[in-house]
Amino acid sequence: MNSTTKFLLGFIAGALSGATVGLLLAPDKGEETRKLIVDKFDELAQKGKDFYETKKTKTTQE
């Protein structure tokens, strides 16, 4: 596993943990909090996919 992959996995884990704790401690209703968690997870998953595709494209071009 190279350093970029390790960094990406660490970043994703940290972001998910921070977002989850922050949302769970928020004073919103449970239904609103669950929707926020799902929305943030989807956003982060899309960013991860975009990052992966960018790196994959750069690797195949070199």
PDB file of N, CA and C in Angstrom:
ATOM      1  N   MET A   1       0.859  -1.166   0.000  1.00  0.00           N
ATOM      2  CA  MET A   1       0.000   0.000   0.000  1.00  0.00           C
ATOM      3  C   MET A   1       0.909   1.233   0.000  1.00  0.00           C
ATOM      4  N   ASN A   2       0.739   2.123  -0.984  1.00  0.00           N
ATOM      5  CA  ASN A   2       1.615   3.283  -1.052  1.00  0.00           C
ATOM      6  C   ASN A   2       1.129   4.402  -0.130  1.00  0.00           C
ATOM      7  N   SER A   3       1.941   5.445  -0.010  1.00  0.00           N
ATOM      8  CA  SER A   3       1.634   6.510   0.938  1.00  0.00           C
ATOM      9  C   SER A   3       0.373   7.293   0.552  1.00  0.00           C
ATOM     10  N   THR A   4       0.089   7.435  -0.732  1.00  0.00           N
ATOM     11  CA  THR A   4      -1.124   8.137  -1.163  1.00  0.00           C
ATOM     12  C   THR A   4      -2.371   7.370  -0.726  1.00  0.00           C
ATOM     13  N   THR A   5      -2.341   6.076  -0.879  1.00  0.00           N
ATOM     14  CA  THR A   5      -3.476   5.243  -0.477  1.00  0.00           C
ATOM     15  C   THR A   5      -3.677   5.305   1.032  1.00  0.00           C
ATOM     16  N   LYS A   6      -2.576   5.218   1.774  1.00  0.00           N
ATOM     17  CA  LYS A   6      -2.676   5.299   3.235  1.00  0.00           C
ATOM     18  C   LYS A   6      -3.250   6.642   3.669  1.00  0.00           C
ATOM     19  N   PHE A   7      -2.773   7.707   3.025  1.00  0.00           N
ATOM     20  CA  PHE A   7      -3.274   9.040   3.359  1.00  0.00           C
ATOM     21  C   PHE A   7      -4.760   9.139   3.072  1.00  0.00           C
ATOM     22  N   LEU A   8      -5.171   8.672   1.910  1.00  0.00           N
ATOM     23  CA  LEU A   8      -6.572   8.749   1.519  1.00  0.00           C
ATOM     24  C   LEU A   8      -7.463   7.975   2.493  1.00  0.00           C
ATOM     25  N   LEU A   9      -7.052   6.778   2.845  1.00  0.00           N
ATOM     26  CA  LEU A   9      -7.839   5.979   3.794  1.00  0.00           C
ATOM     27  C   LEU A   9      -7.914   6.650   5.162  1.00  0.00           C
ATOM     28  N   GLY A  10      -6.804   7.198   5.612  1.00  0.00           N
ATOM     29  CA  GLY A  10      -6.790   7.909   6.894  1.00  0.00           C
ATOM     30  C   GLY A  10      -7.668   9.144   6.861  1.00  0.00           C
ATOM     31  N   PHE A  11      -7.603   9.874   5.760  1.00  0.00           N
ATOM     32  CA  PHE A  11      -8.417  11.073   5.611  1.00  0.00           C
ATOM     33  C   PHE A  11      -9.902  10.729   5.629  1.00  0.00           C
ATOM     34  N   ILE A  12     -10.281   9.715   4.889  1.00  0.00           N
ATOM     35  CA  ILE A  12     -11.688   9.304   4.833  1.00  0.00           C
ATOM     36  C   ILE A  12     -12.171   8.849   6.201  1.00  0.00           C
ATOM     37  N   ALA A  13     -11.366   8.043   6.877  1.00  0.00           N
ATOM     38  CA  ALA A  13     -11.751   7.563   8.212  1.00  0.00           C
ATOM     39  C   ALA A  13     -11.905   8.729   9.187  1.00  0.00           C
ATOM     40  N   GLY A  14     -10.977   9.656   9.147  1.00  0.00           N
ATOM     41  CA  GLY A  14     -11.050  10.817  10.039  1.00  0.00           C
ATOM     42  C   GLY A  14     -12.244  11.703   9.733  1.00  0.00           C
ATOM     43  N   ALA A  15     -12.491  11.923   8.452  1.00  0.00           N
ATOM     44  CA  ALA A  15     -13.620  12.766   8.058  1.00  0.00           C
ATOM     45  C   ALA A  15     -14.945  12.137   8.476  1.00  0.00           C
ATOM     46  N   LEU A  16     -15.074  10.833   8.257  1.00  0.00           N
ATOM     47  CA  LEU A  16     -16.305  10.141   8.655  1.00  0.00           C
ATOM     48  C   LEU A  16     -16.501  10.181  10.167  1.00  0.00           C
ATOM     49  N   SER A  17     -15.436   9.941  10.896  1.00  0.00           N
ATOM     50  CA  SER A  17     -15.528   9.959  12.359  1.00  0.00           C
ATOM     51  C   SER A  17     -15.913  11.339  12.857  1.00  0.00           C
ATOM     52  N   GLY A  18     -15.239  12.356  12.365  1.00  0.00           N
ATOM     53  CA  GLY A  18     -15.540  13.720  12.794  1.00  0.00           C
ATOM     54  C   GLY A  18     -16.951  14.143  12.439  1.00  0.00           C
ATOM     55  N   ALA A  19     -17.363  13.845  11.230  1.00  0.00           N
ATOM     56  CA  ALA A  19     -18.715  14.222  10.803  1.00  0.00           C
ATOM     57  C   ALA A  19     -19.776  13.491  11.618  1.00  0.00           C
ATOM     58  N   THR A  20     -19.544  12.217  11.871  1.00  0.00           N
ATOM     59  CA  THR A  20     -20.516  11.430  12.633  1.00  0.00           C
ATOM     60  C   THR A  20     -20.654  11.955  14.056  1.00  0.00           C
ATOM     61  N   VAL A  21     -19.542  12.189  14.717  1.00  0.00           N
ATOM     62  CA  VAL A  21     -19.593  12.706  16.095  1.00  0.00           C
ATOM     63  C   VAL A  21     -20.254  14.078  16.122  1.00  0.00           C
ATOM     64  N   GLY A  22     -19.884  14.928  15.171  1.00  0.00           N
ATOM     65  CA  GLY A  22     -20.475  16.257  15.127  1.00  0.00           C
ATOM     66  C   GLY A  22     -21.979  16.215  14.916  1.00  0.00           C
ATOM     67  N   LEU A  23     -22.425  15.359  14.037  1.00  0.00           N
ATOM     68  CA  LEU A  23     -23.860  15.270  13.775  1.00  0.00           C
ATOM     69  C   LEU A  23     -24.613  14.630  14.931  1.00  0.00           C
ATOM     70  N   LEU A  24     -24.002  13.655  15.571  1.00  0.00           N
ATOM     71  CA  LEU A  24     -24.677  13.007  16.696  1.00  0.00           C
ATOM     72  C   LEU A  24     -24.829  13.941  17.892  1.00  0.00           C
ATOM     73  N   LEU A  25     -23.933  14.888  18.017  1.00  0.00           N
ATOM     74  CA  LEU A  25     -24.010  15.840  19.119  1.00  0.00           C
ATOM     75  C   LEU A  25     -24.839  17.079  18.764  1.00  0.00           C
ATOM     76  N   ALA A  26     -25.289  17.167  17.535  1.00  0.00           N
ATOM     77  CA  ALA A  26     -26.091  18.310  17.089  1.00  0.00           C
ATOM     78  C   ALA A  26     -27.491  18.231  17.701  1.00  0.00           C
ATOM     79  N   PRO A  27     -28.097  19.373  17.937  1.00  0.00           N
ATOM     80  CA  PRO A  27     -29.421  19.389  18.582  1.00  0.00           C
ATOM     81  C   PRO A  27     -30.600  19.195  17.622  1.00  0.00           C
ATOM     82  N   ASP A  28     -30.377  18.542  16.492  1.00  0.00           N
ATOM     83  CA  ASP A  28     -31.467  18.307  15.534  1.00  0.00           C
ATOM     84  C   ASP A  28     -32.268  17.072  15.917  1.00  0.00           C
ATOM     85  N   LYS A  29     -33.423  16.918  15.288  1.00  0.00           N
ATOM     86  CA  LYS A  29     -34.230  15.720  15.472  1.00  0.00           C
ATOM     87  C   LYS A  29     -33.505  14.529  14.850  1.00  0.00           C
ATOM     88  N   GLY A  30     -33.819  13.339  15.293  1.00  0.00           N
ATOM     89  CA  GLY A  30     -33.179  12.129  14.807  1.00  0.00           C
ATOM     90  C   GLY A  30     -33.302  11.935  13.306  1.00  0.00           C
ATOM     91  N   GLU A  31     -34.479  12.191  12.771  1.00  0.00           N
ATOM     92  CA  GLU A  31     -34.699  12.012  11.331  1.00  0.00           C
ATOM     93  C   GLU A  31     -33.836  12.986  10.524  1.00  0.00           C
ATOM     94  N   GLU A  32     -33.730  14.217  10.986  1.00  0.00           N
ATOM     95  CA  GLU A  32     -32.904  15.213  10.298  1.00  0.00           C
ATOM     96  C   GLU A  32     -31.426  14.840  10.384  1.00  0.00           C
ATOM     97  N   THR A  33     -31.021  14.354  11.549  1.00  0.00           N
ATOM     98  CA  THR A  33     -29.630  13.961  11.735  1.00  0.00           C
ATOM     99  C   THR A  33     -29.269  12.789  10.833  1.00  0.00           C
ATOM    100  N   ARG A  34     -30.125  11.800  10.736  1.00  0.00           N
ATOM    101  CA  ARG A  34     -29.870  10.652   9.861  1.00  0.00           C
ATOM    102  C   ARG A  34     -29.757  11.088   8.401  1.00  0.00           C
ATOM    103  N   LYS A  35     -30.613  12.013   7.985  1.00  0.00           N
ATOM    104  CA  LYS A  35     -30.557  12.514   6.611  1.00  0.00           C
ATOM    105  C   LYS A  35     -29.228  13.243   6.373  1.00  0.00           C
ATOM    106  N   LEU A  36     -28.794  14.036   7.332  1.00  0.00           N
ATOM    107  CA  LEU A  36     -27.515  14.731   7.201  1.00  0.00           C
ATOM    108  C   LEU A  36     -26.353  13.752   7.098  1.00  0.00           C
ATOM    109  N   ILE A  37     -26.389  12.695   7.906  1.00  0.00           N
ATOM    110  CA  ILE A  37     -25.329  11.690   7.862  1.00  0.00           C
ATOM    111  C   ILE A  37     -25.278  11.021   6.494  1.00  0.00           C
ATOM    112  N   VAL A  38     -26.429  10.644   5.970  1.00  0.00           N
ATOM    113  CA  VAL A  38     -26.483   9.998   4.655  1.00  0.00           C
ATOM    114  C   VAL A  38     -25.986  10.949   3.573  1.00  0.00           C
ATOM    115  N   ASP A  39     -26.419  12.207   3.629  1.00  0.00           N
ATOM    116  CA  ASP A  39     -25.993  13.189   2.630  1.00  0.00           C
ATOM    117  C   ASP A  39     -24.482  13.395   2.666  1.00  0.00           C
ATOM    118  N   LYS A  40     -23.915  13.538   3.860  1.00  0.00           N
ATOM    119  CA  LYS A  40     -22.472  13.744   3.989  1.00  0.00           C
ATOM    120  C   LYS A  40     -21.701  12.515   3.532  1.00  0.00           C
ATOM    121  N   PHE A  41     -22.209  11.331   3.858  1.00  0.00           N
ATOM    122  CA  PHE A  41     -21.540  10.108   3.426  1.00  0.00           C
ATOM    123  C   PHE A  41     -21.545  10.004   1.902  1.00  0.00           C
ATOM    124  N   ASP A  42     -22.671  10.317   1.285  1.00  0.00           N
ATOM    125  CA  ASP A  42     -22.757  10.281  -0.180  1.00  0.00           C
ATOM    126  C   ASP A  42     -21.789  11.285  -0.806  1.00  0.00           C
ATOM    127  N   GLU A  43     -21.708  12.472  -0.218  1.00  0.00           N
ATOM    128  CA  GLU A  43     -20.795  13.506  -0.715  1.00  0.00           C
ATOM    129  C   GLU A  43     -19.342  13.042  -0.599  1.00  0.00           C
ATOM    130  N   LEU A  44     -18.993  12.483   0.535  1.00  0.00           N
ATOM    131  CA  LEU A  44     -17.632  12.001   0.748  1.00  0.00           C
ATOM    132  C   LEU A  44     -17.315  10.819  -0.162  1.00  0.00           C
ATOM    133  N   ALA A  45     -18.271   9.935  -0.365  1.00  0.00           N
ATOM    134  CA  ALA A  45     -18.059   8.792  -1.252  1.00  0.00           C
ATOM    135  C   ALA A  45     -17.807   9.270  -2.680  1.00  0.00           C
ATOM    136  N   GLN A  46     -18.540  10.283  -3.117  1.00  0.00           N
ATOM    137  CA  GLN A  46     -18.345  10.821  -4.463  1.00  0.00           C
ATOM    138  C   GLN A  46     -16.962  11.457  -4.595  1.00  0.00           C
ATOM    139  N   LYS A  47     -16.528  12.176  -3.563  1.00  0.00           N
ATOM    140  CA  LYS A  47     -15.190  12.780  -3.589  1.00  0.00           C
ATOM    141  C   LYS A  47     -14.122  11.694  -3.667  1.00  0.00           C
ATOM    142  N   GLY A  48     -14.322  10.609  -2.931  1.00  0.00           N
ATOM    143  CA  GLY A  48     -13.377   9.496  -2.980  1.00  0.00           C
ATOM    144  C   GLY A  48     -13.319   8.869  -4.363  1.00  0.00           C
ATOM    145  N   LYS A  49     -14.470   8.685  -4.983  1.00  0.00           N
ATOM    146  CA  LYS A  49     -14.519   8.121  -6.335  1.00  0.00           C
ATOM    147  C   LYS A  49     -13.826   9.047  -7.332  1.00  0.00           C
ATOM    148  N   ASP A  50     -14.074  10.348  -7.203  1.00  0.00           N
ATOM    149  CA  ASP A  50     -13.436  11.317  -8.099  1.00  0.00           C
ATOM    150  C   ASP A  50     -11.921  11.291  -7.931  1.00  0.00           C
ATOM    151  N   PHE A  51     -11.462  11.233  -6.691  1.00  0.00           N
ATOM    152  CA  PHE A  51     -10.028  11.188  -6.408  1.00  0.00           C
ATOM    153  C   PHE A  51      -9.415   9.926  -7.013  1.00  0.00           C
ATOM    154  N   TYR A  52     -10.079   8.804  -6.822  1.00  0.00           N
ATOM    155  CA  TYR A  52      -9.598   7.530  -7.356  1.00  0.00           C
ATOM    156  C   TYR A  52      -9.504   7.585  -8.876  1.00  0.00           C
ATOM    157  N   GLU A  53     -10.541   8.083  -9.523  1.00  0.00           N
ATOM    158  CA  GLU A  53     -10.545   8.162 -10.979  1.00  0.00           C
ATOM    159  C   GLU A  53      -9.445   9.095 -11.489  1.00  0.00           C
ATOM    160  N   THR A  54      -9.215  10.190 -10.782  1.00  0.00           N
ATOM    161  CA  THR A  54      -8.147  11.114 -11.170  1.00  0.00           C
ATOM    162  C   THR A  54      -6.795  10.429 -11.090  1.00  0.00           C
ATOM    163  N   LYS A  55      -6.539   9.738  -9.993  1.00  0.00           N
ATOM    164  CA  LYS A  55      -5.263   9.045  -9.814  1.00  0.00           C
ATOM    165  C   LYS A  55      -5.126   7.910 -10.827  1.00  0.00           C
ATOM    166  N   LYS A  56      -6.209   7.199 -11.082  1.00  0.00           N
ATOM    167  CA  LYS A  56      -6.186   6.094 -12.042  1.00  0.00           C
ATOM    168  C   LYS A  56      -5.854   6.618 -13.439  1.00  0.00           C
ATOM    169  N   THR A  57      -6.472   7.728 -13.813  1.00  0.00           N
ATOM    170  CA  THR A  57      -6.234   8.326 -15.123  1.00  0.00           C
ATOM    171  C   THR A  57      -4.788   8.794 -15.247  1.00  0.00           C
ATOM    172  N   LYS A  58      -4.262   9.445 -14.208  1.00  0.00           N
ATOM    173  CA  LYS A  58      -2.885   9.924 -14.238  1.00  0.00           C
ATOM    174  C   LYS A  58      -1.906   8.772 -14.328  1.00  0.00           C
ATOM    175  N   THR A  59      -2.207   7.677 -13.647  1.00  0.00           N
ATOM    176  CA  THR A  59      -1.316   6.518 -13.641  1.00  0.00           C
ATOM    177  C   THR A  59      -1.285   5.858 -15.020  1.00  0.00           C
ATOM    178  N   THR A  60      -2.427   5.742 -15.663  1.00  0.00           N
ATOM    179  CA  THR A  60      -2.479   5.084 -16.972  1.00  0.00           C
ATOM    180  C   THR A  60      -1.896   5.964 -18.071  1.00  0.00           C
ATOM    181  N   GLN A  61      -1.874   7.273 -17.876  1.00  0.00           N
ATOM    182  CA  GLN A  61      -1.305   8.179 -18.875  1.00  0.00           C
ATOM    183  C   GLN A  61       0.213   8.218 -18.818  1.00  0.00           C
ATOM    184  N   GLU A  62       0.783   7.879 -17.685  1.00  0.00           N
ATOM    185  CA  GLU A  62       2.249   7.958 -17.532  1.00  0.00           C
ATOM    186  C   GLU A  62       2.941   6.799 -18.107  1.00  0.00           C
TER     187      GLU A  62
END
